[in-house]
Amino acid sequence: MIRKVISPESLGAALREARRQQGLSQTEAGRPVGLDQPTVSRVEQGSPGTRLDTLFRLLAALDLELVLQPRQPAANSSEEDSW
């Protein structure tokens, strides 16, 4: 799954999609890395203030990695950062 992430909300949606594709509940996804269900829910909602270590723990639990690359020009003006 390759997905463009341009906001906390789109990151949360991508993580939720990956978790669901693996057939995991929020509790099941968080348990191996010490995250409780409310924390996983907040990350999936794109809640501001998510700590980087929390994000990386959830990425590890879902067997995902974060890849940074230069931006591509937006073809659609609705695809702007939502900061």
C-alpha atoms as a PDB file:
ATOM      1  CA  MET A   1       0.000   0.000   0.000  1.00  0.00           C
ATOM      2  CA  ILE A   2       1.484   3.318  -1.061  1.00  0.00           C
ATOM      3  CA  ARG A   3      -0.493   6.311   0.018  1.00  0.00           C
ATOM      4  CA  LYS A   4       0.223  10.022  -0.148  1.00  0.00           C
ATOM      5  CA  VAL A   5       0.011  11.571   3.302  1.00  0.00           C
ATOM      6  CA  ILE A   6      -0.367  15.344   3.459  1.00  0.00           C
ATOM      7  CA  SER A   7      -1.958  15.898   6.859  1.00  0.00           C
ATOM      8  CA  PRO A   8      -2.374  14.248  10.258  1.00  0.00           C
ATOM      9  CA  GLU A   9      -5.862  13.188   9.170  1.00  0.00           C
ATOM     10  CA  SER A  10      -4.637  11.470   5.998  1.00  0.00           C
ATOM     11  CA  LEU A  11      -1.902   9.726   8.003  1.00  0.00           C
ATOM     12  CA  GLY A  12      -4.512   8.488  10.449  1.00  0.00           C
ATOM     13  CA  ALA A  13      -6.721   7.277   7.610  1.00  0.00           C
ATOM     14  CA  ALA A  14      -3.792   5.398   6.038  1.00  0.00           C
ATOM     15  CA  LEU A  15      -2.984   3.714   9.364  1.00  0.00           C
ATOM     16  CA  ARG A  16      -6.647   2.810   9.915  1.00  0.00           C
ATOM     17  CA  GLU A  17      -6.830   1.303   6.417  1.00  0.00           C
ATOM     18  CA  ALA A  18      -3.657  -0.744   6.998  1.00  0.00           C
ATOM     19  CA  ARG A  19      -4.947  -1.986  10.353  1.00  0.00           C
ATOM     20  CA  ARG A  20      -8.294  -3.007   8.877  1.00  0.00           C
ATOM     21  CA  GLN A  21      -6.620  -4.762   5.941  1.00  0.00           C
ATOM     22  CA  GLN A  22      -4.739  -6.851   8.487  1.00  0.00           C
ATOM     23  CA  GLY A  23      -8.005  -7.681  10.235  1.00  0.00           C
ATOM     24  CA  LEU A  24      -6.945  -6.097  13.525  1.00  0.00           C
ATOM     25  CA  SER A  25      -8.980  -4.142  16.023  1.00  0.00           C
ATOM     26  CA  GLN A  26      -7.423  -1.022  17.519  1.00  0.00           C
ATOM     27  CA  THR A  27      -6.774  -2.979  20.714  1.00  0.00           C
ATOM     28  CA  GLU A  28      -5.097  -5.841  18.846  1.00  0.00           C
ATOM     29  CA  ALA A  29      -2.910  -3.453  16.834  1.00  0.00           C
ATOM     30  CA  GLY A  30      -1.721  -1.530  19.864  1.00  0.00           C
ATOM     31  CA  ARG A  31      -1.214  -4.355  22.347  1.00  0.00           C
ATOM     32  CA  PRO A  32       2.135  -5.715  21.005  1.00  0.00           C
ATOM     33  CA  VAL A  33       3.749  -2.273  21.229  1.00  0.00           C
ATOM     34  CA  GLY A  34       2.166  -1.121  24.473  1.00  0.00           C
ATOM     35  CA  LEU A  35      -0.458   1.257  23.036  1.00  0.00           C
ATOM     36  CA  ASP A  36      -3.989   1.210  24.403  1.00  0.00           C
ATOM     37  CA  GLN A  37      -7.103   1.428  22.228  1.00  0.00           C
ATOM     38  CA  PRO A  38      -7.817   5.129  22.946  1.00  0.00           C
ATOM     39  CA  THR A  39      -4.277   6.033  21.845  1.00  0.00           C
ATOM     40  CA  VAL A  40      -4.596   4.102  18.578  1.00  0.00           C
ATOM     41  CA  SER A  41      -7.962   5.788  18.005  1.00  0.00           C
ATOM     42  CA  ARG A  42      -6.467   9.266  18.524  1.00  0.00           C
ATOM     43  CA  VAL A  43      -3.666   8.564  16.040  1.00  0.00           C
ATOM     44  CA  GLU A  44      -6.173   7.271  13.471  1.00  0.00           C
ATOM     45  CA  GLN A  45      -8.272  10.419  13.925  1.00  0.00           C
ATOM     46  CA  GLY A  46      -5.254  12.605  13.158  1.00  0.00           C
ATOM     47  CA  SER A  47      -5.312  14.112  16.618  1.00  0.00           C
ATOM     48  CA  PRO A  48      -2.785  16.919  17.055  1.00  0.00           C
ATOM     49  CA  GLY A  49       0.024  16.312  19.493  1.00  0.00           C
ATOM     50  CA  THR A  50       0.704  12.665  18.638  1.00  0.00           C
ATOM     51  CA  ARG A  51       4.204  11.891  19.793  1.00  0.00           C
ATOM     52  CA  LEU A  52       6.683  10.576  17.250  1.00  0.00           C
ATOM     53  CA  ASP A  53       7.508   7.555  19.385  1.00  0.00           C
ATOM     54  CA  THR A  54       3.792   6.685  19.477  1.00  0.00           C
ATOM     55  CA  LEU A  55       3.589   6.963  15.698  1.00  0.00           C
ATOM     56  CA  PHE A  56       6.640   4.766  15.192  1.00  0.00           C
ATOM     57  CA  ARG A  57       5.355   2.166  17.649  1.00  0.00           C
ATOM     58  CA  LEU A  58       2.093   1.939  15.710  1.00  0.00           C
ATOM     59  CA  LEU A  59       3.959   1.767  12.391  1.00  0.00           C
ATOM     60  CA  ALA A  60       6.015  -1.126  13.792  1.00  0.00           C
ATOM     61  CA  ALA A  61       2.897  -2.905  15.037  1.00  0.00           C
ATOM     62  CA  LEU A  62       1.399  -2.694  11.539  1.00  0.00           C
ATOM     63  CA  ASP A  63       4.692  -3.678   9.857  1.00  0.00           C
ATOM     64  CA  LEU A  64       4.870  -0.342   8.016  1.00  0.00           C
ATOM     65  CA  GLU A  65       7.694   2.086   7.413  1.00  0.00           C
ATOM     66  CA  LEU A  66       7.804   5.822   6.903  1.00  0.00           C
ATOM     67  CA  VAL A  67       9.493   6.956   3.681  1.00  0.00           C
ATOM     68  CA  LEU A  68      10.282  10.599   2.995  1.00  0.00           C
ATOM     69  CA  GLN A  69      10.636  11.892  -0.530  1.00  0.00           C
ATOM     70  CA  PRO A  70      10.590  15.268  -2.249  1.00  0.00           C
ATOM     71  CA  ARG A  71       7.159  16.699  -2.931  1.00  0.00           C
ATOM     72  CA  GLN A  72       5.591  16.393  -6.322  1.00  0.00           C
ATOM     73  CA  PRO A  73       3.676  19.422  -7.575  1.00  0.00           C
ATOM     74  CA  ALA A  74       0.007  19.074  -6.675  1.00  0.00           C
ATOM     75  CA  ALA A  75      -2.074  18.396  -9.778  1.00  0.00           C
ATOM     76  CA  ASN A  76      -5.230  19.131  -7.828  1.00  0.00           C
ATOM     77  CA  SER A  77      -5.391  22.310  -5.742  1.00  0.00           C
ATOM     78  CA  SER A  78      -7.604  20.518  -3.181  1.00  0.00           C
ATOM     79  CA  GLU A  79      -4.600  18.366  -2.215  1.00  0.00           C
ATOM     80  CA  GLU A  80      -2.951  21.009  -0.053  1.00  0.00           C
ATOM     81  CA  ASP A  81      -1.537  20.606   3.396  1.00  0.00           C
ATOM     82  CA  SER A  82      -4.185  21.167   6.033  1.00  0.00           C
ATOM     83  CA  TRP A  83      -2.136  22.965   8.651  1.00  0.00           C
END
